[in-house]
């Protein structure tokens, strides 16, 4: 809403169009600072695109001095900067996970941010935005929030929410791309398969990422991992929680043969699936693939009662050569928690635990005081300095899971009641 010269030389003379500002950024290592407010493409087929050597930052009040201001002090709540595909501003988003609905979006942009083979390297940065209102339908069915194809941008400090697609990747779609994704939340998006979708030669690097409360009509509401053979990826400090799929693998599904995925300090909990493997599902299309979990939690994922006689709640592994290895992890070994078939293999080292992890579902599935995951990890597996919340990664020996516990953290606000239990009501399995 600047009223000056519209040339981007100061806040008073700021560009009023983000697309114009990006197009005008032609110098190497250019920064575009975007003041709080909502910015929209101009038509249903229009979108924002990133640019190599251009860092686009949101989260400003519109008064900051570049010579003195520290980008790390931006207030993303008070100065929320929104890239929206909801052109007329009438979307209705209700519920989360199994109850999520997104309506009034038929006239929205198909994609909010589209990076389609436009030569992006890690020097192309998008940092400090809420991305919402993409509706990929019809001729465009992928990447409603962010679409990446043959690019490797840096995506930081983003909330990607309220996007919908009839295809794949309502939150982020990656095809033969290697984005660096840090400090990103993908929440309450609605997809056919995979609200984070990974295909082709993609090997994204995820650090401090939360994928929560998403819905998929098909498989893999959280992450749908289906890259080409021999591709490997590493995800660190990742929480995949509270997602729902009408099919298999609501948290994570591996759908390619001969690929590798390593998760370090991940929490996969509270996901629901109508069929099998609500936490992790290695499908019958993924023979010869390997998933390694280190310092991670896979617990409290559930499948529908419709499949009560055959389902498995937390992990299902299919096909010969598919292997899931756990190192210093916490998982459930209860009945119907893990199921292997057709020669698939599950292994857990001697440092794994099967006790109830005592996670707080109303606080992002962070550990509560007394959790057996506190101090039970292996420091050598994780070289990051902070946990998913941005706090020190080590409070003594590293914890298992995406979050570290600190004295004084909120106690559980949930009291469990079960007439057949014999406990103090403080955690699942110890109801009154």
Protein backbone atom coordinates (compact mmCIF):
# COMPACT_ATOMS: atom_id res chain seq x y z
CA UNK A 1 0.00 0.00 0.00
CA UNK A 2 2.97 2.32 -0.51
CA UNK A 3 2.08 5.59 -2.26
CA UNK A 4 5.50 6.80 -3.42
CA UNK A 5 7.46 6.38 -6.62
CA UNK A 6 6.78 2.61 -6.91
CA UNK A 7 10.43 1.92 -7.69
CA UNK A 8 11.49 -0.19 -4.67
CA UNK A 9 14.19 2.21 -3.46
CA UNK A 10 12.68 2.66 0.04
CA UNK A 11 9.65 1.65 2.07
CA UNK A 12 7.96 4.93 1.10
CA UNK A 13 8.67 4.25 -2.58
CA UNK A 14 8.14 0.48 -2.39
CA UNK A 15 6.79 -1.52 -5.28
CA UNK A 16 3.12 -2.30 -4.78
CA UNK A 17 3.40 -5.50 -6.85
CA UNK A 18 5.58 -8.37 -5.62
CA UNK A 19 5.83 -9.82 -9.12
CA UNK A 20 7.13 -6.51 -10.43
CA UNK A 21 9.70 -6.34 -7.62
CA UNK A 22 10.99 -9.83 -8.38
CA UNK A 23 11.21 -9.12 -12.12
CA UNK A 24 13.13 -5.91 -11.45
CA UNK A 25 15.69 -7.66 -9.24
CA UNK A 26 18.54 -8.19 -11.66
CA UNK A 27 21.66 -7.73 -9.54
CA UNK A 28 23.50 -10.65 -7.95
CA UNK A 29 22.60 -11.37 -4.32
CA UNK A 30 19.61 -9.05 -4.45
CA UNK A 31 17.15 -9.00 -1.54
CA UNK A 32 13.45 -8.23 -1.81
CA UNK A 33 11.90 -7.15 1.52
CA UNK A 34 8.12 -7.54 1.64
CA UNK A 35 5.97 -5.72 4.21
CA UNK A 36 3.15 -7.43 6.09
CA UNK A 37 -0.07 -7.91 4.15
CA UNK A 38 -1.56 -10.19 1.51
CA UNK A 39 -0.18 -10.48 -2.02
CA UNK A 40 -2.02 -12.31 -4.80
CA UNK A 41 -1.45 -13.34 -8.40
CA UNK A 42 -3.73 -11.58 -10.84
CA UNK A 43 -5.66 -14.51 -12.35
CA UNK A 44 -6.42 -18.19 -11.84
CA UNK A 45 -3.52 -19.25 -14.08
CA UNK A 46 -1.08 -16.70 -12.65
CA UNK A 47 1.47 -17.42 -9.89
CA UNK A 48 4.62 -16.16 -8.20
CA UNK A 49 8.01 -17.51 -9.32
CA UNK A 50 11.33 -17.34 -7.53
CA UNK A 51 14.54 -16.18 -9.16
CA UNK A 52 18.16 -17.25 -8.85
CA UNK A 53 20.38 -14.89 -6.84
CA UNK A 54 17.27 -13.22 -5.40
CA UNK A 55 16.28 -13.68 -1.75
CA UNK A 56 12.64 -12.80 -1.06
CA UNK A 57 11.96 -12.05 2.62
CA UNK A 58 8.64 -11.47 4.34
CA UNK A 59 7.77 -10.57 7.92
CA UNK A 60 8.42 -6.81 7.96
CA UNK A 61 6.42 -3.99 9.50
CA UNK A 62 7.53 -1.75 6.65
CA UNK A 63 9.77 0.58 8.66
CA UNK A 64 12.96 -1.48 9.10
CA UNK A 65 16.35 -0.03 8.19
CA UNK A 66 18.44 -2.49 6.11
CA UNK A 67 21.64 -1.03 7.55
CA UNK A 68 20.68 -1.90 11.12
CA UNK A 69 17.93 -4.54 11.08
CA UNK A 70 18.67 -8.20 11.87
CA UNK A 71 16.60 -10.52 9.69
CA UNK A 72 16.54 -13.10 12.48
CA UNK A 73 14.42 -10.74 14.61
CA UNK A 74 11.46 -10.61 12.23
CA UNK A 75 8.05 -11.15 13.87
CA UNK A 76 6.14 -13.49 11.56
CA UNK A 77 2.98 -13.28 13.68
CA UNK A 78 2.58 -9.51 14.01
CA UNK A 79 3.93 -8.95 10.50
CA UNK A 80 2.39 -11.93 8.73
CA UNK A 81 3.14 -11.73 5.01
CA UNK A 82 0.79 -13.85 2.92
CA UNK A 83 1.06 -15.14 -0.63
CA UNK A 84 -2.49 -16.14 -1.43
CA UNK A 85 -4.24 -17.78 -4.35
CA UNK A 86 -7.64 -16.88 -2.86
CA UNK A 87 -8.22 -14.07 -5.33
CA UNK A 88 -11.56 -12.86 -3.95
CA UNK A 89 -10.82 -13.76 -0.33
CA UNK A 90 -13.71 -16.09 0.44
CA UNK A 91 -12.07 -19.46 1.24
CA UNK A 92 -13.50 -21.38 4.18
CA UNK A 93 -11.07 -23.74 5.96
CA UNK A 94 -12.37 -25.82 8.86
CA UNK A 95 -11.09 -28.77 10.86
CA UNK A 96 -7.78 -30.57 10.76
CA UNK A 97 -6.65 -34.04 9.68
CA UNK A 98 -9.68 -36.31 9.34
CA UNK A 99 -12.11 -33.37 9.73
CA UNK A 100 -10.38 -30.96 7.31
CA UNK A 101 -12.49 -29.22 4.65
CA UNK A 102 -11.54 -26.44 2.25
CA UNK A 103 -14.43 -24.82 0.34
CA UNK A 104 -15.29 -21.71 -1.74
CA UNK A 105 -12.01 -22.13 -3.63
CA UNK A 106 -13.14 -23.01 -7.16
CA UNK A 107 -12.01 -19.61 -8.48
CA UNK A 108 -8.60 -19.65 -6.76
CA UNK A 109 -5.22 -19.70 -8.49
CA UNK A 110 -4.09 -23.18 -9.43
CA UNK A 111 -0.66 -22.63 -7.88
CA UNK A 112 0.60 -19.92 -5.57
CA UNK A 113 4.35 -20.39 -6.17
CA UNK A 114 5.51 -22.18 -9.32
CA UNK A 115 9.17 -22.89 -10.05
CA UNK A 116 9.05 -24.83 -13.30
CA UNK A 117 12.54 -25.57 -14.65
CA UNK A 118 13.53 -21.91 -14.18
CA UNK A 119 17.20 -22.54 -13.30
CA UNK A 120 16.90 -22.01 -9.56
CA UNK A 121 19.86 -22.76 -7.31
CA UNK A 122 20.08 -22.45 -3.53
CA UNK A 123 20.68 -18.71 -4.08
CA UNK A 124 16.96 -18.39 -4.81
CA UNK A 125 15.44 -17.89 -1.35
CA UNK A 126 11.83 -17.64 -0.14
CA UNK A 127 11.77 -16.84 3.58
CA UNK A 128 9.10 -15.61 5.97
CA UNK A 129 5.73 -16.16 4.27
CA UNK A 130 2.39 -17.86 4.69
CA UNK A 131 1.44 -19.61 1.43
CA UNK A 132 -2.24 -20.40 1.10
CA UNK A 133 -5.20 -20.64 -1.26
CA UNK A 134 -3.73 -22.69 -4.10
CA UNK A 135 -6.30 -24.93 -5.79
CA UNK A 136 -4.70 -27.24 -8.38
CA UNK A 137 -7.58 -28.71 -10.35
CA UNK A 138 -8.38 -29.42 -13.98
CA UNK A 139 -5.34 -29.07 -16.25
CA UNK A 140 -3.09 -28.30 -13.25
CA UNK A 141 -3.31 -30.93 -10.53
CA UNK A 142 -0.02 -30.69 -8.60
CA UNK A 143 1.78 -28.29 -6.30
CA UNK A 144 -1.02 -25.98 -5.20
CA UNK A 145 1.15 -24.30 -2.57
CA UNK A 146 4.64 -24.63 -4.08
CA UNK A 147 5.50 -26.46 -7.31
CA UNK A 148 9.16 -27.33 -7.91
CA UNK A 149 10.40 -28.98 -11.11
CA UNK A 150 14.12 -29.33 -11.90
CA UNK A 151 15.05 -26.63 -9.40
CA UNK A 152 16.93 -26.39 -6.10
CA UNK A 153 15.74 -23.30 -4.20
CA UNK A 154 15.99 -22.49 -0.49
CA UNK A 155 12.65 -22.48 1.35
CA UNK A 156 12.78 -21.14 4.93
CA UNK A 157 10.40 -19.97 7.64
CA UNK A 158 7.22 -20.79 5.73
CA UNK A 159 3.70 -21.78 6.75
CA UNK A 160 2.05 -23.64 3.87
CA UNK A 161 -1.62 -24.11 4.67
CA UNK A 162 -5.09 -24.21 3.16
CA UNK A 163 -4.04 -25.47 -0.27
CA UNK A 164 -5.90 -28.15 -2.21
CA UNK A 165 -5.28 -30.38 -5.22
CA UNK A 166 -7.04 -33.20 -7.00
CA UNK A 167 -3.60 -34.65 -7.74
CA UNK A 168 -0.46 -34.59 -5.63
CA UNK A 169 1.54 -32.26 -3.43
CA UNK A 170 -1.02 -29.76 -2.20
CA UNK A 171 1.63 -28.32 0.11
CA UNK A 172 4.90 -28.83 -1.81
CA UNK A 173 5.40 -30.82 -5.02
CA UNK A 174 8.98 -31.79 -5.92
CA UNK A 175 9.82 -33.31 -9.31
CA UNK A 176 13.54 -33.87 -9.96
CA UNK A 177 14.31 -31.09 -7.51
CA UNK A 178 16.62 -30.68 -4.52
CA UNK A 179 15.26 -27.81 -2.46
CA UNK A 180 16.71 -26.98 0.95
CA UNK A 181 13.67 -26.80 3.22
CA UNK A 182 14.24 -25.39 6.72
CA UNK A 183 11.86 -24.17 9.39
CA UNK A 184 8.76 -24.95 7.33
CA UNK A 185 5.30 -26.06 8.48
CA UNK A 186 2.95 -27.84 6.06
CA UNK A 187 -0.43 -27.91 7.79
CA UNK A 188 -4.09 -28.40 6.90
CA UNK A 189 -3.68 -29.00 3.18
CA UNK A 190 -5.93 -31.35 1.16
CA UNK A 191 -4.55 -33.62 -1.55
CA UNK A 192 -5.34 -36.78 -3.46
CA UNK A 193 -1.91 -38.18 -2.52
CA UNK A 194 0.99 -36.70 -0.61
CA UNK A 195 0.82 -33.17 0.76
CA UNK A 196 4.62 -33.26 0.47
CA UNK A 197 5.18 -35.14 -2.79
CA UNK A 198 8.64 -36.27 -3.93
CA UNK A 199 9.22 -37.81 -7.37
CA UNK A 200 11.74 -38.03 -10.21
CA UNK A 201 15.35 -37.50 -9.19
CA UNK A 202 14.30 -35.34 -6.24
CA UNK A 203 16.46 -35.36 -3.12
CA UNK A 204 15.17 -32.54 -0.93
CA UNK A 205 16.94 -31.72 2.33
CA UNK A 206 14.43 -31.26 5.16
CA UNK A 207 15.49 -29.78 8.50
CA UNK A 208 13.16 -28.56 11.26
CA UNK A 209 9.98 -29.31 9.30
CA UNK A 210 6.48 -30.02 10.69
CA UNK A 211 3.89 -31.77 8.52
CA UNK A 212 0.65 -31.84 10.45
CA UNK A 213 -3.13 -31.97 10.16
CA UNK A 214 -3.23 -32.68 6.42
CA UNK A 215 -5.78 -34.84 4.54
CA UNK A 216 -5.35 -37.18 1.57
CA UNK A 217 -8.08 -38.96 -0.33
CA UNK A 218 -5.51 -41.61 -1.30
CA UNK A 219 -2.11 -42.48 0.15
CA UNK A 220 0.58 -40.66 2.09
CA UNK A 221 -1.10 -37.60 3.53
CA UNK A 222 2.16 -36.47 5.15
CA UNK A 223 5.04 -37.40 2.81
CA UNK A 224 4.70 -39.41 -0.40
CA UNK A 225 8.24 -40.52 -1.22
CA UNK A 226 8.44 -41.86 -4.79
CA UNK A 227 11.73 -40.77 -6.38
CA UNK A 228 13.65 -42.58 -9.09
CA UNK A 229 15.79 -45.60 -8.29
CA UNK A 230 19.04 -45.04 -6.39
CA UNK A 231 17.96 -41.66 -5.00
CA UNK A 232 18.71 -40.98 -1.32
CA UNK A 233 17.45 -38.25 1.01
CA UNK A 234 17.90 -37.22 4.66
CA UNK A 235 15.25 -35.55 6.83
CA UNK A 236 16.30 -34.18 10.24
CA UNK A 237 14.20 -32.84 13.13
CA UNK A 238 10.91 -33.60 11.38
CA UNK A 239 7.47 -34.08 12.96
CA UNK A 240 4.81 -35.88 10.90
CA UNK A 241 1.72 -35.80 13.10
CA UNK A 242 -2.05 -35.73 13.02
CA UNK A 243 -2.45 -36.41 9.30
CA UNK A 244 -5.25 -38.52 7.78
CA UNK A 245 -5.38 -40.71 4.68
CA UNK A 246 -8.32 -42.58 3.22
CA UNK A 247 -5.74 -45.13 2.04
CA UNK A 248 -2.39 -46.35 3.42
CA UNK A 249 0.58 -44.63 5.00
CA UNK A 250 -0.84 -41.44 6.38
CA UNK A 251 2.47 -40.30 7.89
CA UNK A 252 5.04 -41.52 5.34
CA UNK A 253 4.67 -43.77 2.33
CA UNK A 254 7.62 -45.09 0.31
CA UNK A 255 6.42 -45.91 -3.19
CA UNK A 256 9.60 -46.49 -5.24
CA UNK A 257 12.00 -49.39 -5.69
CA UNK A 258 15.68 -49.21 -4.72
CA UNK A 259 15.61 -45.85 -2.95
CA UNK A 260 16.92 -44.78 0.43
CA UNK A 261 15.53 -42.45 3.07
CA UNK A 262 17.05 -41.56 6.44
CA UNK A 263 15.07 -39.81 9.16
CA UNK A 264 17.02 -38.38 12.09
CA UNK A 265 15.17 -37.23 15.20
CA UNK A 266 11.76 -37.60 13.61
CA UNK A 267 8.43 -37.90 15.40
CA UNK A 268 5.76 -39.83 13.49
CA UNK A 269 2.73 -39.93 15.76
CA UNK A 270 -1.01 -39.43 15.87
CA UNK A 271 -1.57 -40.13 12.18
CA UNK A 272 -4.70 -41.98 11.04
CA UNK A 273 -5.24 -44.13 7.97
CA UNK A 274 -8.30 -45.93 6.72
CA UNK A 275 -6.15 -48.90 5.71
CA UNK A 276 -2.63 -50.00 6.70
CA UNK A 277 0.54 -48.51 8.12
CA UNK A 278 -0.76 -45.21 9.44
CA UNK A 279 2.75 -44.23 10.53
CA UNK A 280 5.01 -45.68 7.81
CA UNK A 281 4.03 -47.76 4.80
CA UNK A 282 6.55 -49.27 2.38
CA UNK A 283 4.35 -50.33 -0.50
CA UNK A 284 4.41 -53.32 -2.81
CA UNK A 285 5.86 -50.97 -5.46
CA UNK A 286 8.99 -50.26 -3.42
CA UNK A 287 11.02 -53.48 -3.43
CA UNK A 288 14.68 -53.11 -2.51
CA UNK A 289 14.22 -49.79 -0.69
CA UNK A 290 15.69 -48.91 2.70
CA UNK A 291 14.39 -46.58 5.39
CA UNK A 292 16.70 -45.81 8.32
CA UNK A 293 15.34 -44.15 11.43
CA UNK A 294 17.72 -42.71 14.02
CA UNK A 295 16.71 -41.11 17.33
CA UNK A 296 13.12 -41.24 16.09
CA UNK A 297 9.63 -42.02 17.42
CA UNK A 298 6.97 -44.03 15.59
CA UNK A 299 4.10 -44.42 18.01
CA UNK A 300 0.39 -43.81 18.47
CA UNK A 301 -0.63 -44.04 14.82
CA UNK A 302 -3.96 -45.77 14.19
CA UNK A 303 -5.93 -47.38 11.39
CA UNK A 304 -9.66 -47.60 10.87
CA UNK A 305 -11.79 -50.09 12.74
CA UNK A 306 -13.16 -51.07 9.33
CA UNK A 307 -9.92 -53.02 8.89
CA UNK A 308 -9.63 -54.21 12.47
CA UNK A 309 -9.04 -57.86 11.54
CA UNK A 310 -6.13 -57.20 9.17
CA UNK A 311 -4.73 -53.74 9.82
CA UNK A 312 -1.44 -52.67 11.31
CA UNK A 313 -1.29 -49.34 13.02
CA UNK A 314 2.25 -47.99 12.99
CA UNK A 315 4.38 -49.69 10.33
CA UNK A 316 3.66 -51.92 7.33
CA UNK A 317 6.47 -53.24 5.12
CA UNK A 318 5.79 -55.11 1.88
CA UNK A 319 7.91 -56.87 -0.73
CA UNK A 320 11.25 -58.59 -0.73
CA UNK A 321 14.23 -56.37 -0.10
CA UNK A 322 12.28 -53.60 1.59
CA UNK A 323 14.00 -52.87 4.88
CA UNK A 324 13.30 -50.56 7.78
CA UNK A 325 16.09 -50.17 10.34
CA UNK A 326 15.78 -48.40 13.69
CA UNK A 327 18.69 -47.07 15.72
CA UNK A 328 18.08 -45.59 19.20
CA UNK A 329 14.39 -45.17 18.45
CA UNK A 330 11.10 -45.46 20.32
CA UNK A 331 8.41 -47.61 18.71
CA UNK A 332 5.44 -49.75 19.65
CA UNK A 333 5.78 -53.53 19.54
CA UNK A 334 2.18 -54.09 20.57
CA UNK A 335 -0.09 -56.42 18.64
CA UNK A 336 -0.89 -55.12 15.14
CA UNK A 337 1.67 -52.35 15.45
CA UNK A 338 4.21 -53.66 12.90
CA UNK A 339 3.52 -55.96 9.98
CA UNK A 340 6.01 -57.35 7.46
CA UNK A 341 4.99 -59.39 4.43
CA UNK A 342 6.54 -60.95 1.32
CA UNK A 343 10.09 -60.93 2.60
CA UNK A 344 10.31 -57.37 3.93
CA UNK A 345 12.56 -56.83 6.96
CA UNK A 346 12.26 -54.83 10.17
CA UNK A 347 15.22 -54.45 12.54
CA UNK A 348 15.68 -52.48 15.76
CA UNK A 349 19.02 -52.18 17.53
CA UNK A 350 19.55 -52.84 21.23
CA UNK A 351 19.30 -49.13 22.03
CA UNK A 352 15.68 -48.90 20.89
CA UNK A 353 12.87 -48.69 23.45
CA UNK A 354 9.25 -49.78 23.26
CA UNK A 355 7.87 -47.91 26.28
CA UNK A 356 5.05 -45.39 25.86
CA UNK A 357 6.85 -42.19 24.75
CA UNK A 358 4.55 -39.85 26.72
CA UNK A 359 3.93 -37.28 24.01
CA UNK A 360 1.51 -34.39 24.39
CA UNK A 361 -0.92 -34.41 21.42
CA UNK A 362 -2.18 -30.89 22.15
CA UNK A 363 1.38 -29.52 22.19
CA UNK A 364 2.68 -30.79 18.87
CA UNK A 365 3.50 -34.27 20.23
CA UNK A 366 6.38 -32.93 22.28
CA UNK A 367 7.65 -35.15 25.10
CA UNK A 368 6.26 -34.61 28.58
CA UNK A 369 8.17 -34.74 31.83
CA UNK A 370 9.10 -38.34 32.58
CA UNK A 371 9.15 -39.45 28.93
CA UNK A 372 11.54 -42.38 28.36
CA UNK A 373 12.70 -40.55 25.19
CA UNK A 374 14.43 -37.83 27.21
CA UNK A 375 18.19 -38.29 27.01
CA UNK A 376 17.82 -41.66 25.27
CA UNK A 377 19.18 -40.78 21.83
CA UNK A 378 22.62 -41.09 20.28
CA UNK A 379 24.46 -37.76 19.93
CA UNK A 380 26.49 -38.95 16.96
CA UNK A 381 23.45 -39.24 14.69
CA UNK A 382 22.50 -35.55 14.71
CA UNK A 383 24.85 -32.62 14.06
CA UNK A 384 22.24 -29.84 14.16
CA UNK A 385 22.28 -27.23 16.91
CA UNK A 386 18.53 -26.78 17.38
CA UNK A 387 15.43 -28.95 17.54
CA UNK A 388 12.26 -28.47 15.53
CA UNK A 389 11.18 -25.64 17.82
CA UNK A 390 14.50 -23.85 17.43
CA UNK A 391 15.73 -24.65 20.93
CA UNK A 392 19.11 -26.19 21.80
CA UNK A 393 19.28 -29.67 20.29
CA UNK A 394 21.08 -31.12 23.30
CA UNK A 395 19.96 -30.70 26.89
CA UNK A 396 22.44 -33.26 28.14
CA UNK A 397 22.36 -36.37 25.93
CA UNK A 398 20.14 -35.80 22.90
CA UNK A 399 16.46 -36.79 23.18
CA UNK A 400 14.64 -39.18 20.87
CA UNK A 401 12.20 -37.37 18.58
CA UNK A 402 11.86 -34.01 16.86
CA UNK A 403 11.76 -31.98 20.08
CA UNK A 404 14.05 -31.66 23.10
CA UNK A 405 12.47 -31.58 26.55
CA UNK A 406 13.45 -28.84 28.99
CA UNK A 407 12.53 -28.47 32.65
CA UNK A 408 9.54 -26.17 32.91
CA UNK A 409 7.97 -27.28 29.62
CA UNK A 410 4.16 -27.38 29.80
CA UNK A 411 2.72 -30.48 31.38
CA UNK A 412 0.01 -32.42 29.58
CA UNK A 413 -3.38 -30.73 29.38
CA UNK A 414 -5.02 -34.11 28.69
CA UNK A 415 -6.33 -36.44 31.37
CA UNK A 416 -7.15 -39.96 30.12
CA UNK A 417 -10.14 -41.93 31.37
CA UNK A 418 -10.52 -45.68 30.86
CA UNK A 419 -12.71 -47.67 33.20
CA UNK A 420 -10.62 -50.82 32.75
CA UNK A 421 -7.24 -49.17 33.37
CA UNK A 422 -5.30 -49.00 36.60
CA UNK A 423 -3.19 -45.86 36.57
CA UNK A 424 -3.00 -42.18 37.36
CA UNK A 425 -4.49 -40.78 34.13
CA UNK A 426 -1.27 -39.07 33.04
CA UNK A 427 -0.61 -40.85 29.74
CA UNK A 428 -1.93 -43.33 27.24
CA UNK A 429 -1.86 -46.75 28.83
CA UNK A 430 -2.16 -45.31 32.34
CA UNK A 431 -5.77 -44.14 32.34
CA UNK A 432 -7.92 -43.96 35.43
